[in-house]
């Protein structure tokens, strides 16, 4: 596993912040490298609230499993998405700019923070606003 400058495996494991605990090994290394670079550009810590999710988790929430958060070891699928808790407007702006500078081309803006992914199978160069 590559070593990252701004986070470690404990940032993705069960805590009072992580909604869906996962292993850092479930996330695509190129996504993590891009995320680490974005953190440097932003100049403040990112709080991850969700990383990888299994198909079983998605189905338990009545979702179709078509998510960039999906991890499936049997099919060799790694997570390509992270959710970040950022509620302050100025920090959200700085983080969005840093994530784009690091190469993320898909960003969702929500009341709780940001969804970011680099899933090349989905539409690129998009920012959307969600409600939940």
C-alpha atoms as a PDB file:
ATOM      1  CA  UNK A   1       0.000   0.000   0.000  1.00  0.00           C
ATOM      2  CA  UNK A   2       1.384   3.418  -0.920  1.00  0.00           C
ATOM      3  CA  UNK A   3       2.009   5.887   1.877  1.00  0.00           C
ATOM      4  CA  UNK A   4      -0.018   9.062   1.776  1.00  0.00           C
ATOM      5  CA  UNK A   5       1.025  12.393   3.235  1.00  0.00           C
ATOM      6  CA  UNK A   6      -2.277  13.572   4.692  1.00  0.00           C
ATOM      7  CA  UNK A   7      -4.243  10.516   5.739  1.00  0.00           C
ATOM      8  CA  UNK A   8      -3.977   6.892   6.764  1.00  0.00           C
ATOM      9  CA  UNK A   9      -6.136   3.804   7.004  1.00  0.00           C
ATOM     10  CA  UNK A  10      -7.659   5.060  10.272  1.00  0.00           C
ATOM     11  CA  UNK A  11      -9.355   7.881   8.313  1.00  0.00           C
ATOM     12  CA  UNK A  12     -11.608   5.285   6.649  1.00  0.00           C
ATOM     13  CA  UNK A  13     -12.309   2.907   9.518  1.00  0.00           C
ATOM     14  CA  UNK A  14     -15.216   2.928  11.937  1.00  0.00           C
ATOM     15  CA  UNK A  15     -15.567   6.103  13.989  1.00  0.00           C
ATOM     16  CA  UNK A  16     -18.224   8.553  15.072  1.00  0.00           C
ATOM     17  CA  UNK A  17     -17.693  10.394  11.768  1.00  0.00           C
ATOM     18  CA  UNK A  18     -17.557   7.560   9.207  1.00  0.00           C
ATOM     19  CA  UNK A  19     -21.073   6.577   8.176  1.00  0.00           C
ATOM     20  CA  UNK A  20     -19.926   3.443   6.326  1.00  0.00           C
ATOM     21  CA  UNK A  21     -16.564   2.135   7.550  1.00  0.00           C
ATOM     22  CA  UNK A  22     -14.276   0.617   4.945  1.00  0.00           C
ATOM     23  CA  UNK A  23     -10.698  -0.361   4.354  1.00  0.00           C
ATOM     24  CA  UNK A  24      -8.286   1.994   2.617  1.00  0.00           C
ATOM     25  CA  UNK A  25      -7.453  -1.049   0.476  1.00  0.00           C
ATOM     26  CA  UNK A  26     -11.007  -0.908  -0.938  1.00  0.00           C
ATOM     27  CA  UNK A  27     -10.329   2.456  -2.598  1.00  0.00           C
ATOM     28  CA  UNK A  28      -8.541   2.739  -5.928  1.00  0.00           C
ATOM     29  CA  UNK A  29      -4.936   3.907  -5.334  1.00  0.00           C
ATOM     30  CA  UNK A  30      -5.115   6.558  -8.088  1.00  0.00           C
ATOM     31  CA  UNK A  31      -8.218   8.032  -6.404  1.00  0.00           C
ATOM     32  CA  UNK A  32      -6.360   8.159  -3.083  1.00  0.00           C
ATOM     33  CA  UNK A  33      -3.299   9.775  -4.675  1.00  0.00           C
ATOM     34  CA  UNK A  34      -5.504  12.431  -6.267  1.00  0.00           C
ATOM     35  CA  UNK A  35      -7.294  12.925  -2.928  1.00  0.00           C
ATOM     36  CA  UNK A  36      -3.971  13.325  -1.100  1.00  0.00           C
ATOM     37  CA  UNK A  37      -2.884  15.951  -3.638  1.00  0.00           C
ATOM     38  CA  UNK A  38      -6.178  17.825  -3.246  1.00  0.00           C
ATOM     39  CA  UNK A  39      -5.714  17.884   0.516  1.00  0.00           C
ATOM     40  CA  UNK A  40      -2.333  19.537   0.030  1.00  0.00           C
ATOM     41  CA  UNK A  41      -3.808  22.130  -2.308  1.00  0.00           C
ATOM     42  CA  UNK A  42      -6.657  22.911   0.105  1.00  0.00           C
ATOM     43  CA  UNK A  43      -4.394  23.512   3.087  1.00  0.00           C
ATOM     44  CA  UNK A  44      -6.805  22.060   5.668  1.00  0.00           C
ATOM     45  CA  UNK A  45      -7.835  18.531   6.707  1.00  0.00           C
ATOM     46  CA  UNK A  46     -10.595  16.697   4.863  1.00  0.00           C
ATOM     47  CA  UNK A  47     -12.999  14.704   7.020  1.00  0.00           C
ATOM     48  CA  UNK A  48     -14.105  11.567   5.157  1.00  0.00           C
ATOM     49  CA  UNK A  49     -17.638  10.443   6.010  1.00  0.00           C
ATOM     50  CA  UNK A  50     -17.949   7.661   3.448  1.00  0.00           C
ATOM     51  CA  UNK A  51     -15.647   5.706   1.191  1.00  0.00           C
ATOM     52  CA  UNK A  52     -16.241   2.229  -0.193  1.00  0.00           C
ATOM     53  CA  UNK A  53     -19.624   0.509   0.026  1.00  0.00           C
ATOM     54  CA  UNK A  54     -20.491  -3.076  -0.829  1.00  0.00           C
ATOM     55  CA  UNK A  55     -23.324  -4.122  -3.094  1.00  0.00           C
ATOM     56  CA  UNK A  56     -24.991  -5.681  -0.057  1.00  0.00           C
ATOM     57  CA  UNK A  57     -24.909  -2.310   1.702  1.00  0.00           C
ATOM     58  CA  UNK A  58     -26.374  -0.586  -1.343  1.00  0.00           C
ATOM     59  CA  UNK A  59     -29.187  -3.138  -1.667  1.00  0.00           C
ATOM     60  CA  UNK A  60     -29.982  -2.845   2.055  1.00  0.00           C
ATOM     61  CA  UNK A  61     -30.673   0.845   1.346  1.00  0.00           C
ATOM     62  CA  UNK A  62     -32.842   0.004  -1.700  1.00  0.00           C
ATOM     63  CA  UNK A  63     -30.214   1.326  -4.108  1.00  0.00           C
ATOM     64  CA  UNK A  64     -29.308  -0.213  -7.454  1.00  0.00           C
ATOM     65  CA  UNK A  65     -25.553  -0.434  -6.790  1.00  0.00           C
ATOM     66  CA  UNK A  66     -24.675   1.950  -9.638  1.00  0.00           C
ATOM     67  CA  UNK A  67     -22.409   4.033  -7.432  1.00  0.00           C
ATOM     68  CA  UNK A  68     -18.809   5.128  -7.658  1.00  0.00           C
ATOM     69  CA  UNK A  69     -18.504   4.106  -3.990  1.00  0.00           C
ATOM     70  CA  UNK A  70     -18.936   0.433  -4.956  1.00  0.00           C
ATOM     71  CA  UNK A  71     -16.294  -2.115  -3.983  1.00  0.00           C
ATOM     72  CA  UNK A  72     -16.552  -5.726  -5.138  1.00  0.00           C
ATOM     73  CA  UNK A  73     -13.482  -7.894  -4.566  1.00  0.00           C
ATOM     74  CA  UNK A  74     -14.846 -10.763  -6.646  1.00  0.00           C
ATOM     75  CA  UNK A  75     -15.206  -8.535  -9.721  1.00  0.00           C
ATOM     76  CA  UNK A  76     -12.050  -6.520  -9.020  1.00  0.00           C
ATOM     77  CA  UNK A  77     -13.990  -3.276  -8.516  1.00  0.00           C
ATOM     78  CA  UNK A  78     -12.399  -0.611  -6.305  1.00  0.00           C
ATOM     79  CA  UNK A  79     -14.135   2.433  -4.877  1.00  0.00           C
ATOM     80  CA  UNK A  80     -13.606   5.649  -6.866  1.00  0.00           C
ATOM     81  CA  UNK A  81     -15.518   8.047  -4.587  1.00  0.00           C
ATOM     82  CA  UNK A  82     -15.319   9.783  -1.225  1.00  0.00           C
ATOM     83  CA  UNK A  83     -17.778  11.887   0.744  1.00  0.00           C
ATOM     84  CA  UNK A  84     -16.340  14.775   2.737  1.00  0.00           C
ATOM     85  CA  UNK A  85     -17.949  16.629   5.613  1.00  0.00           C
ATOM     86  CA  UNK A  86     -17.459  20.313   4.807  1.00  0.00           C
ATOM     87  CA  UNK A  87     -20.281  22.635   5.816  1.00  0.00           C
ATOM     88  CA  UNK A  88     -18.584  26.047   5.865  1.00  0.00           C
ATOM     89  CA  UNK A  89     -19.144  27.779   2.502  1.00  0.00           C
ATOM     90  CA  UNK A  90     -15.612  29.208   2.235  1.00  0.00           C
ATOM     91  CA  UNK A  91     -13.974  25.852   2.989  1.00  0.00           C
ATOM     92  CA  UNK A  92     -16.341  24.120   0.576  1.00  0.00           C
ATOM     93  CA  UNK A  93     -15.226  26.537  -2.153  1.00  0.00           C
ATOM     94  CA  UNK A  94     -11.532  26.006  -1.374  1.00  0.00           C
ATOM     95  CA  UNK A  95     -11.988  22.222  -1.270  1.00  0.00           C
ATOM     96  CA  UNK A  96     -13.878  22.195  -4.572  1.00  0.00           C
ATOM     97  CA  UNK A  97     -11.140  24.209  -6.235  1.00  0.00           C
ATOM     98  CA  UNK A  98      -8.436  21.933  -4.751  1.00  0.00           C
ATOM     99  CA  UNK A  99     -10.263  18.757  -5.830  1.00  0.00           C
ATOM    100  CA  UNK A 100     -10.596  20.072  -9.382  1.00  0.00           C
ATOM    101  CA  UNK A 101      -6.943  21.121  -9.451  1.00  0.00           C
ATOM    102  CA  UNK A 102      -5.979  17.596  -8.378  1.00  0.00           C
ATOM    103  CA  UNK A 103      -7.907  16.178 -11.328  1.00  0.00           C
ATOM    104  CA  UNK A 104     -11.342  15.269  -9.983  1.00  0.00           C
ATOM    105  CA  UNK A 105     -13.976  15.970 -12.622  1.00  0.00           C
ATOM    106  CA  UNK A 106     -17.122  14.907 -10.740  1.00  0.00           C
ATOM    107  CA  UNK A 107     -18.222  16.812  -7.634  1.00  0.00           C
ATOM    108  CA  UNK A 108     -21.556  16.809  -5.848  1.00  0.00           C
ATOM    109  CA  UNK A 109     -22.412  19.610  -3.428  1.00  0.00           C
ATOM    110  CA  UNK A 110     -24.732  18.674  -0.553  1.00  0.00           C
ATOM    111  CA  UNK A 111     -25.824  20.320   2.719  1.00  0.00           C
ATOM    112  CA  UNK A 112     -23.470  17.982   4.624  1.00  0.00           C
ATOM    113  CA  UNK A 113     -20.458  18.499   2.338  1.00  0.00           C
ATOM    114  CA  UNK A 114     -19.040  17.167  -0.915  1.00  0.00           C
ATOM    115  CA  UNK A 115     -19.155  13.954  -2.894  1.00  0.00           C
ATOM    116  CA  UNK A 116     -16.121  13.561  -5.134  1.00  0.00           C
ATOM    117  CA  UNK A 117     -15.210  10.812  -7.562  1.00  0.00           C
ATOM    118  CA  UNK A 118     -13.009  10.088 -10.539  1.00  0.00           C
ATOM    119  CA  UNK A 119     -15.179   7.416 -12.119  1.00  0.00           C
ATOM    120  CA  UNK A 120     -14.321   7.530 -15.813  1.00  0.00           C
ATOM    121  CA  UNK A 121     -17.428   5.485 -16.718  1.00  0.00           C
ATOM    122  CA  UNK A 122     -19.723   8.351 -15.697  1.00  0.00           C
ATOM    123  CA  UNK A 123     -20.219  11.807 -17.271  1.00  0.00           C
ATOM    124  CA  UNK A 124     -17.161  14.026 -16.839  1.00  0.00           C
ATOM    125  CA  UNK A 125     -16.684  17.711 -15.988  1.00  0.00           C
ATOM    126  CA  UNK A 126     -19.838  17.933 -13.896  1.00  0.00           C
ATOM    127  CA  UNK A 127     -20.830  19.566 -10.625  1.00  0.00           C
ATOM    128  CA  UNK A 128     -24.274  18.907  -9.206  1.00  0.00           C
ATOM    129  CA  UNK A 129     -26.264  19.963  -6.169  1.00  0.00           C
ATOM    130  CA  UNK A 130     -28.015  17.377  -4.036  1.00  0.00           C
ATOM    131  CA  UNK A 131     -30.441  17.661  -1.153  1.00  0.00           C
ATOM    132  CA  UNK A 132     -29.557  14.680   1.067  1.00  0.00           C
END
